Amino acid sequence: SLRLSCAASGRPVSRYAMGWFRQAPGKEREFVARIIWRGDITE
């Protein structure tokens, strides 16, 4: 197991969702997961 963290710093802005993409060697970038703040919905 591993745990990734991400922290946003700076002036607050309107945000719809926050999450991760990933890119493996030789492959295109792909969506991994996100949390939609309105409703606390995960995908």
ModelCIF file with pLDDT and N, C-alpha, C, O atoms, coordinates in Angstrom:
data_MODEL
#
_entry.id   MODEL 
#
_entity.id                         1 
_entity.type                       polymer 
_entity.pdbx_number_of_molecules   1 
#
_entity_poly.entity_id                      1 
_entity_poly.type                           'polypeptide(L)' 
_entity_poly.nstd_linkage                   no 
_entity_poly.nstd_monomer                   no 
_entity_poly.pdbx_seq_one_letter_code       SLRLSCAASGRPVSRYAMGWFRQAPGKEREFVARIIWRGDITE 
_entity_poly.pdbx_seq_one_letter_code_can   SLRLSCAASGRPVSRYAMGWFRQAPGKEREFVARIIWRGDITE 
_entity_poly.pdbx_strand_id                 A 
#
loop_
_entity_poly_seq.entity_id 
_entity_poly_seq.num 
_entity_poly_seq.mon_id 
_entity_poly_seq.hetero 
1 1  SER n 
1 2  LEU n 
1 3  ARG n 
1 4  LEU n 
1 5  SER n 
1 6  CYS n 
1 7  ALA n 
1 8  ALA n 
1 9  SER n 
1 10 GLY n 
1 11 ARG n 
1 12 PRO n 
1 13 VAL n 
1 14 SER n 
1 15 ARG n 
1 16 TYR n 
1 17 ALA n 
1 18 MET n 
1 19 GLY n 
1 20 TRP n 
1 21 PHE n 
1 22 ARG n 
1 23 GLN n 
1 24 ALA n 
1 25 PRO n 
1 26 GLY n 
1 27 LYS n 
1 28 GLU n 
1 29 ARG n 
1 30 GLU n 
1 31 PHE n 
1 32 VAL n 
1 33 ALA n 
1 34 ARG n 
1 35 ILE n 
1 36 ILE n 
1 37 TRP n 
1 38 ARG n 
1 39 GLY n 
1 40 ASP n 
1 41 ILE n 
1 42 THR n 
1 43 GLU n 
#
_struct_asym.id          A 
_struct_asym.entity_id   1 
#
loop_
_ma_qa_metric.id 
_ma_qa_metric.mode 
_ma_qa_metric.name 
_ma_qa_metric.software_group_id 
_ma_qa_metric.type 
1 global pLDDT . pLDDT 
2 local  pLDDT . pLDDT 
#
_ma_qa_metric_global.metric_id      1 
_ma_qa_metric_global.metric_value   91.51 
_ma_qa_metric_global.model_id       1 
_ma_qa_metric_global.ordinal_id     1 
#
loop_
_ma_qa_metric_local.label_asym_id 
_ma_qa_metric_local.label_comp_id 
_ma_qa_metric_local.label_seq_id 
_ma_qa_metric_local.metric_id 
_ma_qa_metric_local.metric_value 
_ma_qa_metric_local.model_id 
_ma_qa_metric_local.ordinal_id 
A SER 1  2 98.00 1 1  
A LEU 2  2 98.00 1 2  
A ARG 3  2 98.00 1 3  
A LEU 4  2 98.00 1 4  
A SER 5  2 98.00 1 5  
A CYS 6  2 96.00 1 6  
A ALA 7  2 93.00 1 7  
A ALA 8  2 89.00 1 8  
A SER 9  2 85.00 1 9  
A GLY 10 2 75.00 1 10 
A ARG 11 2 64.00 1 11 
A PRO 12 2 58.00 1 12 
A VAL 13 2 65.00 1 13 
A SER 14 2 62.00 1 14 
A ARG 15 2 81.00 1 15 
A TYR 16 2 91.00 1 16 
A ALA 17 2 94.00 1 17 
A MET 18 2 94.00 1 18 
A GLY 19 2 96.00 1 19 
A TRP 20 2 98.00 1 20 
A PHE 21 2 98.00 1 21 
A ARG 22 2 98.00 1 22 
A GLN 23 2 98.00 1 23 
A ALA 24 2 97.00 1 24 
A PRO 25 2 91.00 1 25 
A GLY 26 2 94.00 1 26 
A LYS 27 2 97.00 1 27 
A GLU 28 2 97.00 1 28 
A ARG 29 2 97.00 1 29 
A GLU 30 2 98.00 1 30 
A PHE 31 2 98.00 1 31 
A VAL 32 2 98.00 1 32 
A ALA 33 2 98.00 1 33 
A ARG 34 2 97.00 1 34 
A ILE 35 2 96.00 1 35 
A ILE 36 2 95.00 1 36 
A TRP 37 2 91.00 1 37 
A ARG 38 2 91.00 1 38 
A GLY 39 2 92.00 1 39 
A ASP 40 2 92.00 1 40 
A ILE 41 2 96.00 1 41 
A THR 42 2 97.00 1 42 
A GLU 43 2 98.00 1 43 
#
loop_
_atom_site.group_PDB 
_atom_site.id 
_atom_site.type_symbol 
_atom_site.label_atom_id 
_atom_site.label_alt_id 
_atom_site.label_comp_id 
_atom_site.label_asym_id 
_atom_site.label_entity_id 
_atom_site.label_seq_id 
_atom_site.pdbx_PDB_ins_code 
_atom_site.Cartn_x 
_atom_site.Cartn_y 
_atom_site.Cartn_z 
_atom_site.occupancy 
_atom_site.B_iso_or_equiv 
_atom_site.pdbx_formal_charge 
_atom_site.auth_seq_id 
_atom_site.auth_comp_id 
_atom_site.auth_asym_id 
_atom_site.auth_atom_id 
_atom_site.pdbx_PDB_model_num 
ATOM 1   N N  . SER A 1 1  ? 0.821   -1.203 0.000   1.00 98.00 ? 1  SER A N  1 
ATOM 2   C CA . SER A 1 1  ? 0.000   0.000  0.000   1.00 98.00 ? 1  SER A CA 1 
ATOM 3   C C  . SER A 1 1  ? 0.855   1.253  0.000   1.00 98.00 ? 1  SER A C  1 
ATOM 4   O O  . SER A 1 1  ? 1.977   1.262  0.505   1.00 98.00 ? 1  SER A O  1 
ATOM 5   N N  . LEU A 1 2  ? 0.310   2.293  -0.568  1.00 98.00 ? 2  LEU A N  1 
ATOM 6   C CA . LEU A 1 2  ? 0.885   3.621  -0.516  1.00 98.00 ? 2  LEU A CA 1 
ATOM 7   C C  . LEU A 1 2  ? -0.242  4.623  -0.366  1.00 98.00 ? 2  LEU A C  1 
ATOM 8   O O  . LEU A 1 2  ? -1.381  4.358  -0.747  1.00 98.00 ? 2  LEU A O  1 
ATOM 9   N N  . ARG A 1 3  ? 0.084   5.763  0.188   1.00 98.00 ? 3  ARG A N  1 
ATOM 10  C CA . ARG A 1 3  ? -0.881  6.835  0.303   1.00 98.00 ? 3  ARG A CA 1 
ATOM 11  C C  . ARG A 1 3  ? -0.310  8.102  -0.297  1.00 98.00 ? 3  ARG A C  1 
ATOM 12  O O  . ARG A 1 3  ? 0.726   8.598  0.147   1.00 98.00 ? 3  ARG A O  1 
ATOM 13  N N  . LEU A 1 4  ? -0.981  8.620  -1.297  1.00 98.00 ? 4  LEU A N  1 
ATOM 14  C CA . LEU A 1 4  ? -0.607  9.877  -1.910  1.00 98.00 ? 4  LEU A CA 1 
ATOM 15  C C  . LEU A 1 4  ? -1.396  11.011 -1.280  1.00 98.00 ? 4  LEU A C  1 
ATOM 16  O O  . LEU A 1 4  ? -2.559  10.841 -0.913  1.00 98.00 ? 4  LEU A O  1 
ATOM 17  N N  . SER A 1 5  ? -0.767  12.153 -1.157  1.00 98.00 ? 5  SER A N  1 
ATOM 18  C CA . SER A 1 5  ? -1.464  13.320 -0.664  1.00 98.00 ? 5  SER A CA 1 
ATOM 19  C C  . SER A 1 5  ? -1.209  14.493 -1.598  1.00 98.00 ? 5  SER A C  1 
ATOM 20  O O  . SER A 1 5  ? -0.189  14.556 -2.285  1.00 98.00 ? 5  SER A O  1 
ATOM 21  N N  . CYS A 1 6  ? -2.144  15.404 -1.605  1.00 96.00 ? 6  CYS A N  1 
ATOM 22  C CA . CYS A 1 6  ? -2.031  16.588 -2.431  1.00 96.00 ? 6  CYS A CA 1 
ATOM 23  C C  . CYS A 1 6  ? -2.628  17.751 -1.665  1.00 96.00 ? 6  CYS A C  1 
ATOM 24  O O  . CYS A 1 6  ? -3.747  17.664 -1.157  1.00 96.00 ? 6  CYS A O  1 
ATOM 25  N N  . ALA A 1 7  ? -1.886  18.831 -1.584  1.00 93.00 ? 7  ALA A N  1 
ATOM 26  C CA . ALA A 1 7  ? -2.341  20.017 -0.884  1.00 93.00 ? 7  ALA A CA 1 
ATOM 27  C C  . ALA A 1 7  ? -2.293  21.212 -1.824  1.00 93.00 ? 7  ALA A C  1 
ATOM 28  O O  . ALA A 1 7  ? -1.288  21.461 -2.489  1.00 93.00 ? 7  ALA A O  1 
ATOM 29  N N  . ALA A 1 8  ? -3.380  21.932 -1.863  1.00 89.00 ? 8  ALA A N  1 
ATOM 30  C CA . ALA A 1 8  ? -3.461  23.135 -2.675  1.00 89.00 ? 8  ALA A CA 1 
ATOM 31  C C  . ALA A 1 8  ? -3.155  24.344 -1.808  1.00 89.00 ? 8  ALA A C  1 
ATOM 32  O O  . ALA A 1 8  ? -3.758  24.530 -0.751  1.00 89.00 ? 8  ALA A O  1 
ATOM 33  N N  . SER A 1 9  ? -2.229  25.148 -2.251  1.00 85.00 ? 9  SER A N  1 
ATOM 34  C CA . SER A 1 9  ? -1.870  26.355 -1.525  1.00 85.00 ? 9  SER A CA 1 
ATOM 35  C C  . SER A 1 9  ? -2.035  27.565 -2.426  1.00 85.00 ? 9  SER A C  1 
ATOM 36  O O  . SER A 1 9  ? -2.079  27.453 -3.651  1.00 85.00 ? 9  SER A O  1 
ATOM 37  N N  . GLY A 1 10 ? -2.126  28.713 -1.794  1.00 75.00 ? 10 GLY A N  1 
ATOM 38  C CA . GLY A 1 10 ? -2.311  29.935 -2.544  1.00 75.00 ? 10 GLY A CA 1 
ATOM 39  C C  . GLY A 1 10 ? -3.698  30.511 -2.345  1.00 75.00 ? 10 GLY A C  1 
ATOM 40  O O  . GLY A 1 10 ? -4.435  30.105 -1.445  1.00 75.00 ? 10 GLY A O  1 
ATOM 41  N N  . ARG A 1 11 ? -4.035  31.440 -3.177  1.00 64.00 ? 11 ARG A N  1 
ATOM 42  C CA . ARG A 1 11 ? -5.323  32.111 -3.054  1.00 64.00 ? 11 ARG A CA 1 
ATOM 43  C C  . ARG A 1 11 ? -6.460  31.166 -3.390  1.00 64.00 ? 11 ARG A C  1 
ATOM 44  O O  . ARG A 1 11 ? -6.418  30.484 -4.414  1.00 64.00 ? 11 ARG A O  1 
ATOM 45  N N  . PRO A 1 12 ? -7.478  31.117 -2.539  1.00 58.00 ? 12 PRO A N  1 
ATOM 46  C CA . PRO A 1 12 ? -8.606  30.207 -2.797  1.00 58.00 ? 12 PRO A CA 1 
ATOM 47  C C  . PRO A 1 12 ? -9.304  30.520 -4.115  1.00 58.00 ? 12 PRO A C  1 
ATOM 48  O O  . PRO A 1 12 ? -9.485  31.681 -4.483  1.00 58.00 ? 12 PRO A O  1 
ATOM 49  N N  . VAL A 1 13 ? -9.687  29.469 -4.810  1.00 65.00 ? 13 VAL A N  1 
ATOM 50  C CA . VAL A 1 13 ? -10.436 29.590 -6.045  1.00 65.00 ? 13 VAL A CA 1 
ATOM 51  C C  . VAL A 1 13 ? -11.593 28.604 -6.016  1.00 65.00 ? 13 VAL A C  1 
ATOM 52  O O  . VAL A 1 13 ? -11.604 27.660 -5.226  1.00 65.00 ? 13 VAL A O  1 
ATOM 53  N N  . SER A 1 14 ? -12.562 28.837 -6.886  1.00 62.00 ? 14 SER A N  1 
ATOM 54  C CA . SER A 1 14 ? -13.679 27.913 -6.994  1.00 62.00 ? 14 SER A CA 1 
ATOM 55  C C  . SER A 1 14 ? -13.183 26.595 -7.569  1.00 62.00 ? 14 SER A C  1 
ATOM 56  O O  . SER A 1 14 ? -12.483 26.572 -8.582  1.00 62.00 ? 14 SER A O  1 
ATOM 57  N N  . ARG A 1 15 ? -13.556 25.485 -6.907  1.00 81.00 ? 15 ARG A N  1 
ATOM 58  C CA . ARG A 1 15 ? -13.118 24.158 -7.328  1.00 81.00 ? 15 ARG A CA 1 
ATOM 59  C C  . ARG A 1 15 ? -14.317 23.229 -7.436  1.00 81.00 ? 15 ARG A C  1 
ATOM 60  O O  . ARG A 1 15 ? -15.163 23.178 -6.544  1.00 81.00 ? 15 ARG A O  1 
ATOM 61  N N  . TYR A 1 16 ? -14.375 22.499 -8.534  1.00 91.00 ? 16 TYR A N  1 
ATOM 62  C CA . TYR A 1 16 ? -15.422 21.525 -8.739  1.00 91.00 ? 16 TYR A CA 1 
ATOM 63  C C  . TYR A 1 16 ? -15.037 20.171 -8.160  1.00 91.00 ? 16 TYR A C  1 
ATOM 64  O O  . TYR A 1 16 ? -15.842 19.517 -7.498  1.00 91.00 ? 16 TYR A O  1 
ATOM 65  N N  . ALA A 1 17 ? -13.798 19.756 -8.415  1.00 94.00 ? 17 ALA A N  1 
ATOM 66  C CA . ALA A 1 17 ? -13.340 18.459 -7.950  1.00 94.00 ? 17 ALA A CA 1 
ATOM 67  C C  . ALA A 1 17 ? -11.820 18.461 -7.847  1.00 94.00 ? 17 ALA A C  1 
ATOM 68  O O  . ALA A 1 17 ? -11.144 19.348 -8.369  1.00 94.00 ? 17 ALA A O  1 
ATOM 69  N N  . MET A 1 18 ? -11.306 17.459 -7.170  1.00 94.00 ? 18 MET A N  1 
ATOM 70  C CA . MET A 1 18 ? -9.874  17.309 -6.983  1.00 94.00 ? 18 MET A CA 1 
ATOM 71  C C  . MET A 1 18 ? -9.539  15.832 -6.999  1.00 94.00 ? 18 MET A C  1 
ATOM 72  O O  . MET A 1 18 ? -10.257 15.027 -6.406  1.00 94.00 ? 18 MET A O  1 
ATOM 73  N N  . GLY A 1 19 ? -8.456  15.466 -7.669  1.00 96.00 ? 19 GLY A N  1 
ATOM 74  C CA . GLY A 1 19 ? -8.108  14.057 -7.739  1.00 96.00 ? 19 GLY A CA 1 
ATOM 75  C C  . GLY A 1 19 ? -6.810  13.821 -8.476  1.00 96.00 ? 19 GLY A C  1 
ATOM 76  O O  . GLY A 1 19 ? -5.921  14.672 -8.481  1.00 96.00 ? 19 GLY A O  1 
ATOM 77  N N  . TRP A 1 20 ? -6.703  12.635 -9.110  1.00 98.00 ? 20 TRP A N  1 
ATOM 78  C CA . TRP A 1 20 ? -5.458  12.232 -9.761  1.00 98.00 ? 20 TRP A CA 1 
ATOM 79  C C  . TRP A 1 20 ? -5.657  11.656 -11.142 1.00 98.00 ? 20 TRP A C  1 
ATOM 80  O O  . TRP A 1 20 ? -6.641  10.968 -11.412 1.00 98.00 ? 20 TRP A O  1 
ATOM 81  N N  . PHE A 1 21 ? -4.707  11.947 -12.013 1.00 98.00 ? 21 PHE A N  1 
ATOM 82  C CA . PHE A 1 21 ? -4.457  11.227 -13.237 1.00 98.00 ? 21 PHE A CA 1 
ATOM 83  C C  . PHE A 1 21 ? -3.137  10.472 -13.060 1.00 98.00 ? 21 PHE A C  1 
ATOM 84  O O  . PHE A 1 21 ? -2.389  10.737 -12.119 1.00 98.00 ? 21 PHE A O  1 
ATOM 85  N N  . ARG A 1 22 ? -2.856  9.539  -13.958 1.00 98.00 ? 22 ARG A N  1 
ATOM 86  C CA . ARG A 1 22 ? -1.574  8.862  -13.953 1.00 98.00 ? 22 ARG A CA 1 
ATOM 87  C C  . ARG A 1 22 ? -1.142  8.565  -15.375 1.00 98.00 ? 22 ARG A C  1 
ATOM 88  O O  . ARG A 1 22 ? -1.962  8.469  -16.288 1.00 98.00 ? 22 ARG A O  1 
ATOM 89  N N  . GLN A 1 23 ? 0.164   8.422  -15.544 1.00 98.00 ? 23 GLN A N  1 
ATOM 90  C CA . GLN A 1 23 ? 0.712   8.104  -16.848 1.00 98.00 ? 23 GLN A CA 1 
ATOM 91  C C  . GLN A 1 23 ? 1.834   7.095  -16.681 1.00 98.00 ? 23 GLN A C  1 
ATOM 92  O O  . GLN A 1 23 ? 2.843   7.372  -16.032 1.00 98.00 ? 23 GLN A O  1 
ATOM 93  N N  . ALA A 1 24 ? 1.649   5.926  -17.271 1.00 97.00 ? 24 ALA A N  1 
ATOM 94  C CA . ALA A 1 24 ? 2.650   4.872  -17.241 1.00 97.00 ? 24 ALA A CA 1 
ATOM 95  C C  . ALA A 1 24 ? 3.545   4.988  -18.465 1.00 97.00 ? 24 ALA A C  1 
ATOM 96  O O  . ALA A 1 24 ? 3.139   5.569  -19.472 1.00 97.00 ? 24 ALA A O  1 
ATOM 97  N N  . PRO A 1 25 ? 4.760   4.443  -18.396 1.00 91.00 ? 25 PRO A N  1 
ATOM 98  C CA . PRO A 1 25 ? 5.662   4.494  -19.544 1.00 91.00 ? 25 PRO A CA 1 
ATOM 99  C C  . PRO A 1 25 ? 5.016   3.905  -20.789 1.00 91.00 ? 25 PRO A C  1 
ATOM 100 O O  . PRO A 1 25 ? 4.479   2.797  -20.756 1.00 91.00 ? 25 PRO A O  1 
ATOM 101 N N  . GLY A 1 26 ? 5.070   4.648  -21.880 1.00 94.00 ? 26 GLY A N  1 
ATOM 102 C CA . GLY A 1 26 ? 4.533   4.173  -23.140 1.00 94.00 ? 26 GLY A CA 1 
ATOM 103 C C  . GLY A 1 26 ? 3.030   4.219  -23.260 1.00 94.00 ? 26 GLY A C  1 
ATOM 104 O O  . GLY A 1 26 ? 2.484   3.751  -24.259 1.00 94.00 ? 26 GLY A O  1 
ATOM 105 N N  . LYS A 1 27 ? 2.344   4.766  -22.280 1.00 97.00 ? 27 LYS A N  1 
ATOM 106 C CA . LYS A 1 27 ? 0.894   4.833  -22.306 1.00 97.00 ? 27 LYS A CA 1 
ATOM 107 C C  . LYS A 1 27 ? 0.426   6.275  -22.166 1.00 97.00 ? 27 LYS A C  1 
ATOM 108 O O  . LYS A 1 27 ? 1.157   7.144  -21.691 1.00 97.00 ? 27 LYS A O  1 
ATOM 109 N N  . GLU A 1 28 ? -0.801  6.504  -22.587 1.00 97.00 ? 28 GLU A N  1 
ATOM 110 C CA . GLU A 1 28 ? -1.370  7.838  -22.465 1.00 97.00 ? 28 GLU A CA 1 
ATOM 111 C C  . GLU A 1 28 ? -1.850  8.084  -21.043 1.00 97.00 ? 28 GLU A C  1 
ATOM 112 O O  . GLU A 1 28 ? -2.108  7.148  -20.287 1.00 97.00 ? 28 GLU A O  1 
ATOM 113 N N  . ARG A 1 29 ? -1.964  9.352  -20.697 1.00 97.00 ? 29 ARG A N  1 
ATOM 114 C CA . ARG A 1 29 ? -2.454  9.713  -19.382 1.00 97.00 ? 29 ARG A CA 1 
ATOM 115 C C  . ARG A 1 29 ? -3.892  9.249  -19.196 1.00 97.00 ? 29 ARG A C  1 
ATOM 116 O O  . ARG A 1 29 ? -4.705  9.352  -20.114 1.00 97.00 ? 29 ARG A O  1 
ATOM 117 N N  . GLU A 1 30 ? -4.202  8.741  -18.014 1.00 98.00 ? 30 GLU A N  1 
ATOM 118 C CA . GLU A 1 30 ? -5.546  8.277  -17.741 1.00 98.00 ? 30 GLU A CA 1 
ATOM 119 C C  . GLU A 1 30 ? -6.044  8.811  -16.402 1.00 98.00 ? 30 GLU A C  1 
ATOM 120 O O  . GLU A 1 30 ? -5.271  9.055  -15.475 1.00 98.00 ? 30 GLU A O  1 
ATOM 121 N N  . PHE A 1 31 ? -7.331  8.980  -16.336 1.00 98.00 ? 31 PHE A N  1 
ATOM 122 C CA . PHE A 1 31 ? -7.987  9.377  -15.102 1.00 98.00 ? 31 PHE A CA 1 
ATOM 123 C C  . PHE A 1 31 ? -7.923  8.243  -14.094 1.00 98.00 ? 31 PHE A C  1 
ATOM 124 O O  . PHE A 1 31 ? -8.061  7.076  -14.461 1.00 98.00 ? 31 PHE A O  1 
ATOM 125 N N  . VAL A 1 32 ? -7.712  8.577  -12.818 1.00 98.00 ? 32 VAL A N  1 
ATOM 126 C CA . VAL A 1 32 ? -7.637  7.579  -11.765 1.00 98.00 ? 32 VAL A CA 1 
ATOM 127 C C  . VAL A 1 32 ? -8.807  7.707  -10.796 1.00 98.00 ? 32 VAL A C  1 
ATOM 128 O O  . VAL A 1 32 ? -9.599  6.777  -10.646 1.00 98.00 ? 32 VAL A O  1 
ATOM 129 N N  . ALA A 1 33 ? -8.914  8.851  -10.144 1.00 98.00 ? 33 ALA A N  1 
ATOM 130 C CA . ALA A 1 33 ? -9.948  9.049  -9.139  1.00 98.00 ? 33 ALA A CA 1 
ATOM 131 C C  . ALA A 1 33 ? -10.105 10.528 -8.858  1.00 98.00 ? 33 ALA A C  1 
ATOM 132 O O  . ALA A 1 33 ? -9.182  11.313 -9.073  1.00 98.00 ? 33 ALA A O  1 
ATOM 133 N N  . ARG A 1 34 ? -11.271 10.901 -8.378  1.00 97.00 ? 34 ARG A N  1 
ATOM 134 C CA . ARG A 1 34 ? -11.491 12.269 -7.953  1.00 97.00 ? 34 ARG A CA 1 
ATOM 135 C C  . ARG A 1 34 ? -12.619 12.331 -6.951  1.00 97.00 ? 34 ARG A C  1 
ATOM 136 O O  . ARG A 1 34 ? -13.440 11.419 -6.859  1.00 97.00 ? 34 ARG A O  1 
ATOM 137 N N  . ILE A 1 35 ? -12.651 13.415 -6.204  1.00 96.00 ? 35 ILE A N  1 
ATOM 138 C CA . ILE A 1 35 ? -13.748 13.696 -5.300  1.00 96.00 ? 35 ILE A CA 1 
ATOM 139 C C  . ILE A 1 35 ? -14.394 14.988 -5.748  1.00 96.00 ? 35 ILE A C  1 
ATOM 140 O O  . ILE A 1 35 ? -13.730 16.015 -5.886  1.00 96.00 ? 35 ILE A O  1 
ATOM 141 N N  . ILE A 1 36 ? -15.693 14.929 -5.973  1.00 95.00 ? 36 ILE A N  1 
ATOM 142 C CA . ILE A 1 36 ? -16.472 16.106 -6.333  1.00 95.00 ? 36 ILE A CA 1 
ATOM 143 C C  . ILE A 1 36 ? -16.948 16.750 -5.046  1.00 95.00 ? 36 ILE A C  1 
ATOM 144 O O  . ILE A 1 36 ? -17.716 16.159 -4.287  1.00 95.00 ? 36 ILE A O  1 
ATOM 145 N N  . TRP A 1 37 ? -16.484 17.963 -4.810  1.00 91.00 ? 37 TRP A N  1 
ATOM 146 C CA . TRP A 1 37 ? -16.715 18.576 -3.513  1.00 91.00 ? 37 TRP A CA 1 
ATOM 147 C C  . TRP A 1 37 ? -18.191 18.760 -3.197  1.00 91.00 ? 37 TRP A C  1 
ATOM 148 O O  . TRP A 1 37 ? -18.627 18.523 -2.071  1.00 91.00 ? 37 TRP A O  1 
ATOM 149 N N  . ARG A 1 38 ? -18.963 19.187 -4.201  1.00 91.00 ? 38 ARG A N  1 
ATOM 150 C CA . ARG A 1 38 ? -20.383 19.348 -3.976  1.00 91.00 ? 38 ARG A CA 1 
ATOM 151 C C  . ARG A 1 38 ? -21.029 17.973 -3.926  1.00 91.00 ? 38 ARG A C  1 
ATOM 152 O O  . ARG A 1 38 ? -21.177 17.296 -4.943  1.00 91.00 ? 38 ARG A O  1 
ATOM 153 N N  . GLY A 1 39 ? -21.411 17.580 -2.717  1.00 92.00 ? 39 GLY A N  1 
ATOM 154 C CA . GLY A 1 39 ? -22.002 16.273 -2.517  1.00 92.00 ? 39 GLY A CA 1 
ATOM 155 C C  . GLY A 1 39 ? -21.020 15.232 -2.019  1.00 92.00 ? 39 GLY A C  1 
ATOM 156 O O  . GLY A 1 39 ? -21.421 14.124 -1.666  1.00 92.00 ? 39 GLY A O  1 
ATOM 157 N N  . ASP A 1 40 ? -19.744 15.569 -1.985  1.00 92.00 ? 40 ASP A N  1 
ATOM 158 C CA . ASP A 1 40 ? -18.705 14.647 -1.520  1.00 92.00 ? 40 ASP A CA 1 
ATOM 159 C C  . ASP A 1 40 ? -18.785 13.325 -2.277  1.00 92.00 ? 40 ASP A C  1 
ATOM 160 O O  . ASP A 1 40 ? -18.777 12.252 -1.674  1.00 92.00 ? 40 ASP A O  1 
ATOM 161 N N  . ILE A 1 41 ? -18.860 13.412 -3.591  1.00 96.00 ? 41 ILE A N  1 
ATOM 162 C CA . ILE A 1 41 ? -19.011 12.250 -4.449  1.00 96.00 ? 41 ILE A CA 1 
ATOM 163 C C  . ILE A 1 41 ? -17.647 11.808 -4.958  1.00 96.00 ? 41 ILE A C  1 
ATOM 164 O O  . ILE A 1 41 ? -16.858 12.630 -5.424  1.00 96.00 ? 41 ILE A O  1 
ATOM 165 N N  . THR A 1 42 ? -17.371 10.526 -4.870  1.00 97.00 ? 42 THR A N  1 
ATOM 166 C CA . THR A 1 42 ? -16.113 9.978  -5.355  1.00 97.00 ? 42 THR A CA 1 
ATOM 167 C C  . THR A 1 42 ? -16.323 9.197  -6.642  1.00 97.00 ? 42 THR A C  1 
ATOM 168 O O  . THR A 1 42 ? -17.352 8.548  -6.828  1.00 97.00 ? 42 THR A O  1 
ATOM 169 N N  . GLU A 1 43 ? -15.333 9.267  -7.531  1.00 98.00 ? 43 GLU A N  1 
ATOM 170 C CA . GLU A 1 43 ? -15.359 8.554  -8.797  1.00 98.00 ? 43 GLU A CA 1 
ATOM 171 C C  . GLU A 1 43 ? -14.019 7.872  -9.013  1.00 98.00 ? 43 GLU A C  1 
ATOM 172 O O  . GLU A 1 43 ? -13.821 7.207  -10.030 1.00 98.00 ? 43 GLU A O  1 
#
